[in-house]
Amino acid sequence: MFSFLRSPPLALLPPAPARALRSIPGLLGLAVLALVLGEPMRAHSDALVTSAAPLGILSLQFACGAGAVQTILASWDAFMLEHARLSLYWDMAFAPAYGLALAALGERLGGGLRRGAHGGHVTAWLPLLAAAADLLENVLHLLLIAGGALVVALPACAAALLKWALLAAWLASVLAGLFGRRR
């Protein structure tokens, strides 16, 4: 079922583009792309800070109950709801960009784990899985903003928590691998 985890993510690409993405210029290009796509998302989120949503769109991400979601959405006027939608749309482009950038970095660093171990391949997949969770979360939050059923609040929050957990696991694995190599 998860046999794709046995190979690094960039192995799905032809060898030349995969090498290019793992190279220093390729990694820098991916990082710049992620930053360029992330900036408008952040700017729109900054317009969403209220007493009910002190972290802007992040407050909505971590609102796991229908009541909390209702409180946040009620604190945003029509102009702010448009900013929320735009932030989520920009995140739809940002998520694959950061997923690919971190996956390529993970591959370049050897996955953060022992070379030759399948664990390194799993580590390289974590950011792409996080990006997929992020995309699901964005769709669910767009449904909530559009007045959809509040029943999607919990799955949206679960997708957000999964995204952050996968990114934290990737970072921990890469750091453990980097510090473990120095021994």
C-alpha atoms as a PDB file:
ATOM      1  CA  MET A   1       0.000   0.000   0.000  1.00  0.00           C
ATOM      2  CA  PHE A   2       2.785   2.429   0.866  1.00  0.00           C
ATOM      3  CA  SER A   3       5.372   0.932  -1.491  1.00  0.00           C
ATOM      4  CA  PHE A   4       6.048   4.402  -2.927  1.00  0.00           C
ATOM      5  CA  LEU A   5       7.874   5.183   0.335  1.00  0.00           C
ATOM      6  CA  ARG A   6      10.635   2.740  -0.630  1.00  0.00           C
ATOM      7  CA  SER A   7      12.104   5.247  -3.084  1.00  0.00           C
ATOM      8  CA  PRO A   8      12.831   8.923  -2.649  1.00  0.00           C
ATOM      9  CA  PRO A   9      10.136  11.241  -4.016  1.00  0.00           C
ATOM     10  CA  LEU A  10      12.328  12.746  -6.717  1.00  0.00           C
ATOM     11  CA  ALA A  11      12.950   9.232  -8.095  1.00  0.00           C
ATOM     12  CA  LEU A  12       9.553   9.659  -9.756  1.00  0.00           C
ATOM     13  CA  LEU A  13      11.146  12.290 -12.006  1.00  0.00           C
ATOM     14  CA  PRO A  14      13.630  11.693 -14.813  1.00  0.00           C
ATOM     15  CA  PRO A  15      17.220  11.657 -13.444  1.00  0.00           C
ATOM     16  CA  ALA A  16      18.301  15.039 -14.858  1.00  0.00           C
ATOM     17  CA  PRO A  17      15.458  17.117 -13.335  1.00  0.00           C
ATOM     18  CA  ALA A  18      15.768  15.193 -10.052  1.00  0.00           C
ATOM     19  CA  ARG A  19      19.501  15.997  -9.886  1.00  0.00           C
ATOM     20  CA  ALA A  20      18.775  19.626 -10.744  1.00  0.00           C
ATOM     21  CA  LEU A  21      16.230  19.945  -7.922  1.00  0.00           C
ATOM     22  CA  ARG A  22      18.639  18.377  -5.393  1.00  0.00           C
ATOM     23  CA  SER A  23      21.475  20.683  -6.471  1.00  0.00           C
ATOM     24  CA  ILE A  24      22.290  23.850  -4.526  1.00  0.00           C
ATOM     25  CA  PRO A  25      20.871  26.129  -7.286  1.00  0.00           C
ATOM     26  CA  GLY A  26      17.787  23.901  -7.515  1.00  0.00           C
ATOM     27  CA  LEU A  27      17.229  24.011  -3.762  1.00  0.00           C
ATOM     28  CA  LEU A  28      17.702  27.779  -3.735  1.00  0.00           C
ATOM     29  CA  GLY A  29      15.222  28.132  -6.596  1.00  0.00           C
ATOM     30  CA  LEU A  30      12.656  25.995  -4.763  1.00  0.00           C
ATOM     31  CA  ALA A  31      13.207  27.992  -1.566  1.00  0.00           C
ATOM     32  CA  VAL A  32      12.718  31.289  -3.414  1.00  0.00           C
ATOM     33  CA  LEU A  33       9.574  29.918  -5.079  1.00  0.00           C
ATOM     34  CA  ALA A  34       8.169  28.886  -1.686  1.00  0.00           C
ATOM     35  CA  LEU A  35       8.988  32.293  -0.198  1.00  0.00           C
ATOM     36  CA  VAL A  36       7.452  34.158  -3.146  1.00  0.00           C
ATOM     37  CA  LEU A  37       4.247  32.108  -2.906  1.00  0.00           C
ATOM     38  CA  GLY A  38       4.171  32.274   0.891  1.00  0.00           C
ATOM     39  CA  GLU A  39       4.418  36.053   1.174  1.00  0.00           C
ATOM     40  CA  PRO A  40       0.956  36.914  -0.244  1.00  0.00           C
ATOM     41  CA  MET A  41      -0.536  34.140   1.893  1.00  0.00           C
ATOM     42  CA  ARG A  42       1.048  35.666   4.994  1.00  0.00           C
ATOM     43  CA  ALA A  43       0.003  39.198   4.028  1.00  0.00           C
ATOM     44  CA  HIS A  44      -3.638  38.156   3.654  1.00  0.00           C
ATOM     45  CA  SER A  45      -3.477  36.274   6.951  1.00  0.00           C
ATOM     46  CA  ASP A  46      -2.168  39.368   8.733  1.00  0.00           C
ATOM     47  CA  ALA A  47      -5.450  41.108   7.860  1.00  0.00           C
ATOM     48  CA  LEU A  48      -7.344  38.449   9.846  1.00  0.00           C
ATOM     49  CA  VAL A  49      -6.061  39.191  13.340  1.00  0.00           C
ATOM     50  CA  THR A  50      -8.930  39.829  15.765  1.00  0.00           C
ATOM     51  CA  SER A  51      -9.476  39.124  19.443  1.00  0.00           C
ATOM     52  CA  ALA A  52     -11.216  35.896  18.383  1.00  0.00           C
ATOM     53  CA  ALA A  53      -8.412  35.047  15.929  1.00  0.00           C
ATOM     54  CA  PRO A  54      -5.187  36.421  17.441  1.00  0.00           C
ATOM     55  CA  LEU A  55      -3.102  34.320  15.040  1.00  0.00           C
ATOM     56  CA  GLY A  56      -5.118  35.162  11.938  1.00  0.00           C
ATOM     57  CA  ILE A  57      -5.731  32.162   9.694  1.00  0.00           C
ATOM     58  CA  LEU A  58      -3.699  29.975  12.075  1.00  0.00           C
ATOM     59  CA  SER A  59      -6.408  30.496  14.685  1.00  0.00           C
ATOM     60  CA  LEU A  60      -8.904  28.983  12.242  1.00  0.00           C
ATOM     61  CA  GLN A  61      -6.539  26.069  11.535  1.00  0.00           C
ATOM     62  CA  PHE A  62      -6.449  25.133  15.200  1.00  0.00           C
ATOM     63  CA  ALA A  63     -10.164  25.658  15.857  1.00  0.00           C
ATOM     64  CA  CYS A  64     -11.282  22.050  16.187  1.00  0.00           C
ATOM     65  CA  GLY A  65     -14.820  22.683  17.363  1.00  0.00           C
ATOM     66  CA  ALA A  66     -17.813  24.136  15.570  1.00  0.00           C
ATOM     67  CA  GLY A  67     -18.264  26.791  18.266  1.00  0.00           C
ATOM     68  CA  ALA A  68     -14.689  28.017  17.948  1.00  0.00           C
ATOM     69  CA  VAL A  69     -14.988  28.169  14.154  1.00  0.00           C
ATOM     70  CA  GLN A  70     -18.267  30.098  14.402  1.00  0.00           C
ATOM     71  CA  THR A  71     -16.695  32.590  16.810  1.00  0.00           C
ATOM     72  CA  ILE A  72     -13.723  33.183  14.515  1.00  0.00           C
ATOM     73  CA  LEU A  73     -15.793  33.488  11.339  1.00  0.00           C
ATOM     74  CA  ALA A  74     -18.249  35.840  13.081  1.00  0.00           C
ATOM     75  CA  SER A  75     -15.327  38.096  14.043  1.00  0.00           C
ATOM     76  CA  TRP A  76     -14.400  38.576  10.371  1.00  0.00           C
ATOM     77  CA  ASP A  77     -16.366  40.986   8.184  1.00  0.00           C
ATOM     78  CA  ALA A  78     -16.867  40.410   4.437  1.00  0.00           C
ATOM     79  CA  PHE A  79     -13.553  42.109   3.616  1.00  0.00           C
ATOM     80  CA  MET A  80     -11.704  39.864   6.082  1.00  0.00           C
ATOM     81  CA  LEU A  81     -13.452  36.743   4.783  1.00  0.00           C
ATOM     82  CA  GLU A  82     -12.135  37.644   1.330  1.00  0.00           C
ATOM     83  CA  HIS A  83      -8.634  37.900   2.825  1.00  0.00           C
ATOM     84  CA  ALA A  84      -9.148  34.462   4.400  1.00  0.00           C
ATOM     85  CA  ARG A  85     -10.142  32.989   1.040  1.00  0.00           C
ATOM     86  CA  LEU A  86      -7.179  34.624  -0.699  1.00  0.00           C
ATOM     87  CA  SER A  87      -4.793  33.391   1.994  1.00  0.00           C
ATOM     88  CA  LEU A  88      -6.074  29.846   1.497  1.00  0.00           C
ATOM     89  CA  TYR A  89      -5.839  30.123  -2.296  1.00  0.00           C
ATOM     90  CA  TRP A  90      -2.226  31.301  -2.037  1.00  0.00           C
ATOM     91  CA  ASP A  91      -1.585  28.411   0.355  1.00  0.00           C
ATOM     92  CA  MET A  92      -2.800  26.046  -2.387  1.00  0.00           C
ATOM     93  CA  ALA A  93       0.278  27.106  -4.381  1.00  0.00           C
ATOM     94  CA  PHE A  94       2.588  27.456  -1.376  1.00  0.00           C
ATOM     95  CA  ALA A  95       1.948  23.932  -0.034  1.00  0.00           C
ATOM     96  CA  PRO A  96       3.307  22.024  -3.062  1.00  0.00           C
ATOM     97  CA  ALA A  97       6.214  24.482  -3.282  1.00  0.00           C
ATOM     98  CA  TYR A  98       7.336  23.966   0.322  1.00  0.00           C
ATOM     99  CA  GLY A  99       6.601  20.243   0.059  1.00  0.00           C
ATOM    100  CA  LEU A 100       8.859  19.852  -2.962  1.00  0.00           C
ATOM    101  CA  ALA A 101      11.550  22.153  -1.529  1.00  0.00           C
ATOM    102  CA  LEU A 102      11.744  20.279   1.777  1.00  0.00           C
ATOM    103  CA  ALA A 103      11.559  16.874   0.065  1.00  0.00           C
ATOM    104  CA  ALA A 104      14.480  17.824  -2.202  1.00  0.00           C
ATOM    105  CA  LEU A 105      16.423  19.149   0.776  1.00  0.00           C
ATOM    106  CA  GLY A 106      15.680  15.947   2.684  1.00  0.00           C
ATOM    107  CA  GLU A 107      16.958  13.877  -0.219  1.00  0.00           C
ATOM    108  CA  ARG A 108      20.091  16.015  -0.518  1.00  0.00           C
ATOM    109  CA  LEU A 109      20.788  15.586   3.186  1.00  0.00           C
ATOM    110  CA  GLY A 110      20.273  11.852   2.885  1.00  0.00           C
ATOM    111  CA  GLY A 111      16.851  11.936   4.461  1.00  0.00           C
ATOM    112  CA  GLY A 112      18.285  12.795   7.858  1.00  0.00           C
ATOM    113  CA  LEU A 113      18.765   9.117   8.624  1.00  0.00           C
ATOM    114  CA  ARG A 114      21.304   6.399   7.940  1.00  0.00           C
ATOM    115  CA  ARG A 115      22.252   6.162   4.295  1.00  0.00           C
ATOM    116  CA  GLY A 116      20.865   3.060   2.700  1.00  0.00           C
ATOM    117  CA  ALA A 117      17.974   2.843   5.143  1.00  0.00           C
ATOM    118  CA  HIS A 118      14.429   3.109   3.835  1.00  0.00           C
ATOM    119  CA  GLY A 119      13.796   5.521   6.705  1.00  0.00           C
ATOM    120  CA  GLY A 120      15.593   8.228   4.759  1.00  0.00           C
ATOM    121  CA  HIS A 121      13.131   7.828   1.914  1.00  0.00           C
ATOM    122  CA  VAL A 122      10.214   8.020   4.328  1.00  0.00           C
ATOM    123  CA  THR A 123      11.698  11.204   5.793  1.00  0.00           C
ATOM    124  CA  ALA A 124      11.934  12.774   2.335  1.00  0.00           C
ATOM    125  CA  TRP A 125       8.245  11.985   1.727  1.00  0.00           C
ATOM    126  CA  LEU A 126       7.040  13.675   4.935  1.00  0.00           C
ATOM    127  CA  PRO A 127       6.924  17.243   3.525  1.00  0.00           C
ATOM    128  CA  LEU A 128       4.962  16.090   0.482  1.00  0.00           C
ATOM    129  CA  LEU A 129       2.487  14.270   2.709  1.00  0.00           C
ATOM    130  CA  ALA A 130       2.284  17.429   4.839  1.00  0.00           C
ATOM    131  CA  ALA A 131       1.568  19.470   1.705  1.00  0.00           C
ATOM    132  CA  ALA A 132      -1.231  17.043   0.777  1.00  0.00           C
ATOM    133  CA  ALA A 133      -2.728  17.436   4.271  1.00  0.00           C
ATOM    134  CA  ASP A 134      -2.384  21.214   3.867  1.00  0.00           C
ATOM    135  CA  LEU A 135      -4.314  21.128   0.582  1.00  0.00           C
ATOM    136  CA  LEU A 136      -7.099  19.075   2.189  1.00  0.00           C
ATOM    137  CA  GLU A 137      -7.183  21.473   5.128  1.00  0.00           C
ATOM    138  CA  ASN A 138      -7.460  24.454   2.750  1.00  0.00           C
ATOM    139  CA  VAL A 139     -10.392  22.924   0.871  1.00  0.00           C
ATOM    140  CA  LEU A 140     -12.205  22.211   4.141  1.00  0.00           C
ATOM    141  CA  HIS A 141     -11.569  25.725   5.440  1.00  0.00           C
ATOM    142  CA  LEU A 142     -12.826  27.205   2.167  1.00  0.00           C
ATOM    143  CA  LEU A 143     -16.018  25.182   2.652  1.00  0.00           C
ATOM    144  CA  LEU A 144     -16.372  26.566   6.181  1.00  0.00           C
ATOM    145  CA  ILE A 145     -15.828  30.146   4.997  1.00  0.00           C
ATOM    146  CA  ALA A 146     -18.430  29.633   2.263  1.00  0.00           C
ATOM    147  CA  GLY A 147     -20.955  28.753   4.946  1.00  0.00           C
ATOM    148  CA  GLY A 148     -20.588  25.001   4.655  1.00  0.00           C
ATOM    149  CA  ALA A 149     -21.600  22.571   7.364  1.00  0.00           C
ATOM    150  CA  LEU A 150     -19.673  23.049  10.581  1.00  0.00           C
ATOM    151  CA  VAL A 151     -19.159  19.285  10.708  1.00  0.00           C
ATOM    152  CA  VAL A 152     -16.008  19.817   8.597  1.00  0.00           C
ATOM    153  CA  ALA A 153     -14.393  21.872  11.396  1.00  0.00           C
ATOM    154  CA  LEU A 154     -12.925  18.780  13.072  1.00  0.00           C
ATOM    155  CA  PRO A 155     -11.553  17.185   9.871  1.00  0.00           C
ATOM    156  CA  ALA A 156     -10.070  20.569   8.864  1.00  0.00           C
ATOM    157  CA  CYS A 157      -8.366  20.864  12.242  1.00  0.00           C
ATOM    158  CA  ALA A 158      -7.196  17.232  12.051  1.00  0.00           C
ATOM    159  CA  ALA A 159      -5.650  17.902   8.630  1.00  0.00           C
ATOM    160  CA  ALA A 160      -3.898  20.996  10.020  1.00  0.00           C
ATOM    161  CA  LEU A 161      -2.569  19.080  13.016  1.00  0.00           C
ATOM    162  CA  LEU A 162      -1.409  16.237  10.754  1.00  0.00           C
ATOM    163  CA  LYS A 163       0.381  18.747   8.506  1.00  0.00           C
ATOM    164  CA  TRP A 164       2.243  20.310  11.434  1.00  0.00           C
ATOM    165  CA  ALA A 165       3.053  16.885  12.928  1.00  0.00           C
ATOM    166  CA  LEU A 166       4.513  15.662   9.620  1.00  0.00           C
ATOM    167  CA  LEU A 167       6.611  18.821   9.254  1.00  0.00           C
ATOM    168  CA  ALA A 168       7.842  18.501  12.848  1.00  0.00           C
ATOM    169  CA  ALA A 169       8.718  14.831  12.256  1.00  0.00           C
ATOM    170  CA  TRP A 170      10.639  15.790   9.100  1.00  0.00           C
ATOM    171  CA  LEU A 171      12.582  18.483  10.944  1.00  0.00           C
ATOM    172  CA  ALA A 172      13.335  16.200  13.904  1.00  0.00           C
ATOM    173  CA  SER A 173      14.505  13.420  11.590  1.00  0.00           C
ATOM    174  CA  VAL A 174      16.723  15.712   9.523  1.00  0.00           C
ATOM    175  CA  LEU A 175      18.242  17.331  12.621  1.00  0.00           C
ATOM    176  CA  ALA A 176      18.803  13.947  14.263  1.00  0.00           C
ATOM    177  CA  GLY A 177      20.530  12.740  11.108  1.00  0.00           C
ATOM    178  CA  LEU A 178      22.704  15.834  10.845  1.00  0.00           C
ATOM    179  CA  PHE A 179      23.790  15.756  14.474  1.00  0.00           C
ATOM    180  CA  GLY A 180      24.138  11.971  14.414  1.00  0.00           C
ATOM    181  CA  ARG A 181      26.670  12.172  11.555  1.00  0.00           C
ATOM    182  CA  ARG A 182      29.036  14.320  13.594  1.00  0.00           C
ATOM    183  CA  ARG A 183      29.735  11.600  16.122  1.00  0.00           C
END
